[in-house]
N, C-alpha and C. Protein backbone atom coordinates (compact mmCIF):
# COMPACT_ATOMS: atom_id res chain seq x y z
N UNK A 1 30.29 -5.14 -4.19
CA UNK A 1 28.87 -4.98 -3.90
C UNK A 1 28.58 -3.53 -3.53
N UNK A 2 27.43 -3.06 -3.91
CA UNK A 2 27.02 -1.70 -3.59
C UNK A 2 26.74 -1.59 -2.10
N UNK A 3 26.99 -0.40 -1.55
CA UNK A 3 26.76 -0.16 -0.12
C UNK A 3 25.26 -0.04 0.18
N UNK A 4 24.51 0.53 -0.76
CA UNK A 4 23.07 0.71 -0.58
C UNK A 4 22.31 0.21 -1.81
N UNK A 5 21.12 -0.30 -1.56
CA UNK A 5 20.17 -0.65 -2.61
C UNK A 5 18.86 0.03 -2.26
N UNK A 6 17.93 0.03 -3.20
CA UNK A 6 16.70 0.82 -3.04
C UNK A 6 15.47 -0.02 -3.37
N UNK A 7 14.45 0.17 -2.56
CA UNK A 7 13.18 -0.52 -2.75
C UNK A 7 12.10 0.53 -2.94
N UNK A 8 11.39 0.44 -4.04
CA UNK A 8 10.21 1.28 -4.27
C UNK A 8 9.01 0.45 -3.83
N UNK A 9 8.20 1.01 -2.96
CA UNK A 9 7.04 0.25 -2.50
C UNK A 9 5.89 1.20 -2.15
N UNK A 10 4.73 0.61 -2.02
CA UNK A 10 3.56 1.38 -1.63
C UNK A 10 3.67 1.73 -0.15
N UNK A 11 3.26 2.96 0.18
CA UNK A 11 3.33 3.41 1.57
C UNK A 11 2.52 2.49 2.48
N UNK A 12 1.42 1.95 1.99
CA UNK A 12 0.59 1.06 2.82
C UNK A 12 1.35 -0.22 3.17
N UNK A 13 2.18 -0.73 2.25
CA UNK A 13 2.99 -1.91 2.53
C UNK A 13 4.06 -1.60 3.57
N UNK A 14 4.59 -0.38 3.53
CA UNK A 14 5.60 0.02 4.51
C UNK A 14 4.98 0.13 5.91
N UNK A 15 3.76 0.64 5.99
CA UNK A 15 3.06 0.73 7.28
C UNK A 15 2.86 -0.67 7.86
N UNK A 16 2.45 -1.61 7.02
CA UNK A 16 2.28 -3.00 7.48
C UNK A 16 3.61 -3.58 7.97
N UNK A 17 4.68 -3.29 7.24
CA UNK A 17 6.00 -3.79 7.62
C UNK A 17 6.43 -3.23 8.98
N UNK A 18 6.19 -1.97 9.20
CA UNK A 18 6.56 -1.37 10.48
C UNK A 18 5.77 -2.00 11.63
N UNK A 19 4.51 -2.31 11.38
CA UNK A 19 3.69 -2.97 12.41
C UNK A 19 4.19 -4.38 12.71
N UNK A 20 4.67 -5.08 11.68
CA UNK A 20 5.18 -6.45 11.84
C UNK A 20 6.66 -6.49 12.21
N UNK A 21 7.31 -5.33 12.11
CA UNK A 21 8.74 -5.18 12.39
C UNK A 21 9.64 -5.92 11.39
N UNK A 22 9.11 -6.22 10.22
CA UNK A 22 9.90 -6.75 9.12
C UNK A 22 9.11 -6.57 7.83
N UNK A 23 9.84 -6.47 6.72
CA UNK A 23 9.22 -6.27 5.43
C UNK A 23 9.33 -7.56 4.63
N UNK A 24 8.20 -8.14 4.31
CA UNK A 24 8.17 -9.39 3.56
C UNK A 24 8.05 -9.18 2.06
N UNK A 25 7.97 -7.93 1.64
CA UNK A 25 7.89 -7.63 0.22
C UNK A 25 6.49 -7.30 -0.24
N UNK A 26 6.42 -6.90 -1.49
CA UNK A 26 5.15 -6.56 -2.13
C UNK A 26 4.46 -7.84 -2.60
N UNK A 27 3.29 -7.66 -3.16
CA UNK A 27 2.56 -8.80 -3.73
C UNK A 27 3.40 -9.49 -4.82
N UNK A 28 4.02 -8.69 -5.69
CA UNK A 28 4.87 -9.25 -6.75
C UNK A 28 6.10 -9.95 -6.17
N UNK A 29 6.70 -9.36 -5.15
CA UNK A 29 7.86 -9.99 -4.51
C UNK A 29 7.49 -11.38 -3.99
N UNK A 30 6.37 -11.46 -3.34
CA UNK A 30 5.93 -12.74 -2.76
C UNK A 30 5.67 -13.78 -3.86
N UNK A 31 5.10 -13.34 -4.98
CA UNK A 31 4.86 -14.25 -6.11
C UNK A 31 6.18 -14.75 -6.71
N UNK A 32 7.18 -13.86 -6.77
CA UNK A 32 8.47 -14.22 -7.37
C UNK A 32 9.39 -14.96 -6.41
N UNK A 33 9.13 -14.88 -5.11
CA UNK A 33 9.94 -15.60 -4.13
C UNK A 33 11.14 -14.82 -3.61
N UNK A 34 11.21 -13.55 -3.92
CA UNK A 34 12.29 -12.70 -3.41
C UNK A 34 11.83 -11.25 -3.47
N UNK A 35 12.54 -10.39 -2.73
CA UNK A 35 12.22 -8.96 -2.74
C UNK A 35 13.08 -8.29 -3.82
N UNK A 36 12.42 -7.59 -4.72
CA UNK A 36 13.08 -6.86 -5.81
C UNK A 36 13.65 -5.55 -5.28
N UNK A 37 14.88 -5.26 -5.65
CA UNK A 37 15.51 -3.99 -5.34
C UNK A 37 16.12 -3.43 -6.61
N UNK A 38 16.60 -2.20 -6.52
CA UNK A 38 17.34 -1.55 -7.60
C UNK A 38 18.57 -0.91 -7.01
N UNK A 39 19.60 -0.72 -7.85
CA UNK A 39 20.68 0.13 -7.38
C UNK A 39 20.26 1.57 -7.67
N UNK A 40 21.08 2.52 -7.28
CA UNK A 40 20.70 3.93 -7.42
C UNK A 40 20.41 4.31 -8.88
N UNK A 41 21.22 3.81 -9.80
CA UNK A 41 21.04 4.15 -11.22
C UNK A 41 19.80 3.50 -11.82
N UNK A 42 19.36 2.38 -11.27
CA UNK A 42 18.22 1.64 -11.81
C UNK A 42 16.87 2.12 -11.26
N UNK A 43 16.89 2.85 -10.17
CA UNK A 43 15.64 3.23 -9.48
C UNK A 43 14.68 3.99 -10.40
N UNK A 44 15.19 4.91 -11.18
CA UNK A 44 14.34 5.71 -12.06
C UNK A 44 13.64 4.85 -13.11
N UNK A 45 14.38 3.93 -13.74
CA UNK A 45 13.78 3.09 -14.77
C UNK A 45 12.79 2.10 -14.16
N UNK A 46 13.08 1.61 -12.96
CA UNK A 46 12.14 0.72 -12.27
C UNK A 46 10.84 1.47 -11.98
N UNK A 47 10.97 2.69 -11.54
CA UNK A 47 9.80 3.52 -11.24
C UNK A 47 8.95 3.73 -12.48
N UNK A 48 9.58 4.04 -13.60
CA UNK A 48 8.85 4.27 -14.85
C UNK A 48 8.18 2.99 -15.36
N UNK A 49 8.91 1.89 -15.29
CA UNK A 49 8.40 0.64 -15.87
C UNK A 49 7.25 0.04 -15.06
N UNK A 50 7.35 0.05 -13.76
CA UNK A 50 6.39 -0.67 -12.93
C UNK A 50 5.37 0.21 -12.19
N UNK A 51 5.62 1.52 -12.11
CA UNK A 51 4.75 2.35 -11.28
C UNK A 51 4.17 3.55 -12.02
N UNK A 52 4.35 3.61 -13.34
CA UNK A 52 3.83 4.74 -14.10
C UNK A 52 2.34 4.92 -13.84
N UNK A 53 1.95 6.13 -13.49
CA UNK A 53 0.56 6.53 -13.29
C UNK A 53 -0.14 5.79 -12.14
N UNK A 54 0.61 5.17 -11.26
CA UNK A 54 0.01 4.54 -10.07
C UNK A 54 -0.33 5.65 -9.09
N UNK A 55 -1.56 5.66 -8.64
CA UNK A 55 -2.05 6.75 -7.80
C UNK A 55 -1.74 6.54 -6.31
N UNK A 56 -1.55 5.29 -5.89
CA UNK A 56 -1.25 5.04 -4.48
C UNK A 56 0.09 5.67 -4.12
N UNK A 57 0.20 6.12 -2.87
CA UNK A 57 1.45 6.74 -2.42
C UNK A 57 2.59 5.74 -2.46
N UNK A 58 3.72 6.21 -2.99
CA UNK A 58 4.92 5.39 -3.07
C UNK A 58 6.02 5.97 -2.19
N UNK A 59 6.87 5.08 -1.70
CA UNK A 59 8.03 5.51 -0.96
C UNK A 59 9.26 4.80 -1.50
N UNK A 60 10.41 5.33 -1.18
CA UNK A 60 11.69 4.75 -1.57
C UNK A 60 12.46 4.44 -0.30
N UNK A 61 12.85 3.18 -0.15
CA UNK A 61 13.64 2.75 1.00
C UNK A 61 15.11 2.68 0.60
N UNK A 62 15.95 3.32 1.35
CA UNK A 62 17.40 3.22 1.16
C UNK A 62 17.89 2.17 2.15
N UNK A 63 18.43 1.08 1.62
CA UNK A 63 18.74 -0.09 2.43
C UNK A 63 20.24 -0.38 2.40
N UNK A 64 20.81 -0.56 3.58
CA UNK A 64 22.21 -0.94 3.69
C UNK A 64 22.36 -2.42 3.33
N UNK A 65 23.38 -2.73 2.55
CA UNK A 65 23.60 -4.12 2.13
C UNK A 65 24.54 -4.88 3.07
N UNK A 66 25.10 -4.22 4.05
CA UNK A 66 26.17 -4.82 4.85
C UNK A 66 25.76 -6.09 5.60
N UNK A 67 24.49 -6.24 5.95
CA UNK A 67 24.06 -7.41 6.72
C UNK A 67 23.04 -8.27 5.98
N UNK A 68 22.92 -8.10 4.68
CA UNK A 68 21.94 -8.85 3.89
C UNK A 68 22.58 -10.13 3.35
N UNK A 69 22.54 -11.17 4.15
CA UNK A 69 23.17 -12.44 3.79
C UNK A 69 22.53 -13.12 2.59
N UNK A 70 21.26 -12.90 2.37
CA UNK A 70 20.53 -13.58 1.30
C UNK A 70 20.29 -12.67 0.09
N UNK A 71 21.22 -11.75 -0.13
CA UNK A 71 21.13 -10.82 -1.26
C UNK A 71 21.97 -11.36 -2.42
N UNK A 72 21.34 -11.43 -3.58
CA UNK A 72 22.02 -11.92 -4.78
C UNK A 72 21.76 -10.95 -5.92
N UNK A 73 22.79 -10.73 -6.73
CA UNK A 73 22.67 -9.89 -7.92
C UNK A 73 22.43 -10.82 -9.10
N UNK A 74 21.27 -10.67 -9.72
CA UNK A 74 20.87 -11.59 -10.78
C UNK A 74 20.46 -10.83 -12.03
N UNK A 75 20.69 -11.48 -13.18
CA UNK A 75 20.29 -10.86 -14.44
C UNK A 75 18.78 -10.75 -14.51
N UNK A 76 18.36 -9.59 -14.98
CA UNK A 76 16.94 -9.33 -15.11
C UNK A 76 16.73 -8.70 -16.48
N UNK A 77 15.79 -7.79 -16.57
CA UNK A 77 15.49 -7.17 -17.86
C UNK A 77 16.74 -6.56 -18.49
N UNK A 78 16.82 -6.65 -19.77
CA UNK A 78 17.93 -6.09 -20.55
C UNK A 78 19.29 -6.66 -20.15
N UNK A 79 19.31 -7.80 -19.47
CA UNK A 79 20.57 -8.43 -19.07
C UNK A 79 21.30 -7.72 -17.95
N UNK A 80 20.65 -6.75 -17.31
CA UNK A 80 21.27 -6.01 -16.21
C UNK A 80 21.18 -6.81 -14.91
N UNK A 81 22.13 -6.58 -14.04
CA UNK A 81 22.11 -7.23 -12.72
C UNK A 81 21.29 -6.40 -11.75
N UNK A 82 20.32 -7.06 -11.10
CA UNK A 82 19.48 -6.41 -10.10
C UNK A 82 19.61 -7.15 -8.78
N UNK A 83 19.55 -6.42 -7.67
CA UNK A 83 19.62 -7.07 -6.36
C UNK A 83 18.29 -7.70 -5.97
N UNK A 84 18.36 -8.96 -5.56
CA UNK A 84 17.18 -9.71 -5.10
C UNK A 84 17.48 -10.27 -3.72
N UNK A 85 16.58 -10.05 -2.79
CA UNK A 85 16.75 -10.53 -1.42
C UNK A 85 15.85 -11.73 -1.19
N UNK A 86 16.46 -12.86 -0.89
CA UNK A 86 15.74 -14.11 -0.69
C UNK A 86 15.46 -14.35 0.79
N UNK A 87 14.91 -13.35 1.42
CA UNK A 87 14.47 -13.43 2.82
C UNK A 87 13.66 -12.17 3.08
N UNK A 88 13.17 -12.04 4.29
CA UNK A 88 12.50 -10.79 4.64
C UNK A 88 13.57 -9.71 4.83
N UNK A 89 13.14 -8.46 4.84
CA UNK A 89 14.03 -7.34 5.08
C UNK A 89 13.88 -6.89 6.52
N UNK A 90 14.96 -6.95 7.26
CA UNK A 90 14.97 -6.45 8.63
C UNK A 90 14.91 -4.92 8.56
N UNK A 91 14.00 -4.32 9.29
CA UNK A 91 13.81 -2.87 9.22
C UNK A 91 15.04 -2.11 9.70
N UNK A 92 15.90 -2.75 10.48
CA UNK A 92 17.14 -2.11 10.94
C UNK A 92 18.07 -1.81 9.76
N UNK A 93 17.89 -2.51 8.67
CA UNK A 93 18.72 -2.29 7.49
C UNK A 93 18.24 -1.14 6.62
N UNK A 94 17.06 -0.62 6.92
CA UNK A 94 16.52 0.54 6.19
C UNK A 94 17.11 1.79 6.84
N UNK A 95 17.92 2.50 6.08
CA UNK A 95 18.63 3.66 6.62
C UNK A 95 17.89 4.97 6.42
N UNK A 96 17.02 5.02 5.42
CA UNK A 96 16.26 6.24 5.19
C UNK A 96 15.02 5.90 4.36
N UNK A 97 13.96 6.65 4.59
CA UNK A 97 12.71 6.49 3.85
C UNK A 97 12.39 7.83 3.18
N UNK A 98 12.15 7.78 1.88
CA UNK A 98 11.85 8.98 1.11
C UNK A 98 10.43 8.91 0.53
N UNK A 99 9.79 10.04 0.40
CA UNK A 99 8.52 10.14 -0.30
C UNK A 99 8.80 10.23 -1.80
N UNK A 100 7.96 9.62 -2.60
CA UNK A 100 8.04 9.74 -4.05
C UNK A 100 6.81 10.51 -4.51
N UNK A 101 7.03 11.53 -5.29
CA UNK A 101 5.95 12.44 -5.71
C UNK A 101 5.40 12.02 -7.08
N UNK A 102 4.08 11.93 -7.18
CA UNK A 102 3.41 11.67 -8.46
C UNK A 102 3.15 13.00 -9.15
N UNK A 103 3.68 13.13 -10.37
CA UNK A 103 3.47 14.35 -11.14
C UNK A 103 2.17 14.22 -11.94
N UNK A 104 1.68 15.32 -12.44
CA UNK A 104 0.41 15.33 -13.18
C UNK A 104 0.45 14.50 -14.46
N UNK A 105 1.64 14.31 -15.02
CA UNK A 105 1.76 13.55 -16.27
C UNK A 105 1.84 12.03 -16.03
N UNK A 106 1.68 11.60 -14.78
CA UNK A 106 1.69 10.17 -14.47
C UNK A 106 3.06 9.63 -14.10
N UNK A 107 4.08 10.44 -14.30
CA UNK A 107 5.43 10.03 -13.90
C UNK A 107 5.66 10.39 -12.43
N UNK A 108 6.62 9.71 -11.84
CA UNK A 108 6.97 9.99 -10.45
C UNK A 108 8.31 10.69 -10.38
N UNK A 109 8.49 11.46 -9.33
CA UNK A 109 9.75 12.17 -9.13
C UNK A 109 10.46 11.59 -7.92
N UNK A 110 11.65 11.07 -8.16
CA UNK A 110 12.47 10.58 -7.06
C UNK A 110 13.02 11.77 -6.27
N UNK A 111 13.27 11.58 -4.99
CA UNK A 111 13.82 12.68 -4.20
C UNK A 111 15.23 13.03 -4.65
N UNK A 112 15.60 14.26 -4.45
CA UNK A 112 16.96 14.68 -4.78
C UNK A 112 17.91 14.06 -3.76
N UNK A 113 19.07 13.71 -4.21
CA UNK A 113 20.12 13.18 -3.32
C UNK A 113 19.71 11.99 -2.49
N UNK A 114 19.01 11.05 -3.08
CA UNK A 114 18.65 9.85 -2.34
C UNK A 114 19.84 8.94 -2.32
């Protein structure tokens, strides 16, 4: 299992999570019944596929997997395995929060060395 997984989310959802002291996921996560994550190599393609030209501020959460009991790696698009968390995310498991920059061409730039 990977040591870290990554969640791309809207900054406004992160603010709500901090106020509630837990992250219940995005609107799509709640509809699907689990929180969608990516590994480090998948983060860029997830950003392009689901967040292209989204104007709302985005952030990237670096999450430790060591205490995520309800984390499962499941086949998703293109037959790749993606991490899905079938519970809320305890904020203690978030090790770092990064800003994601929207470029003029509608693409986003992930932070260096995330």
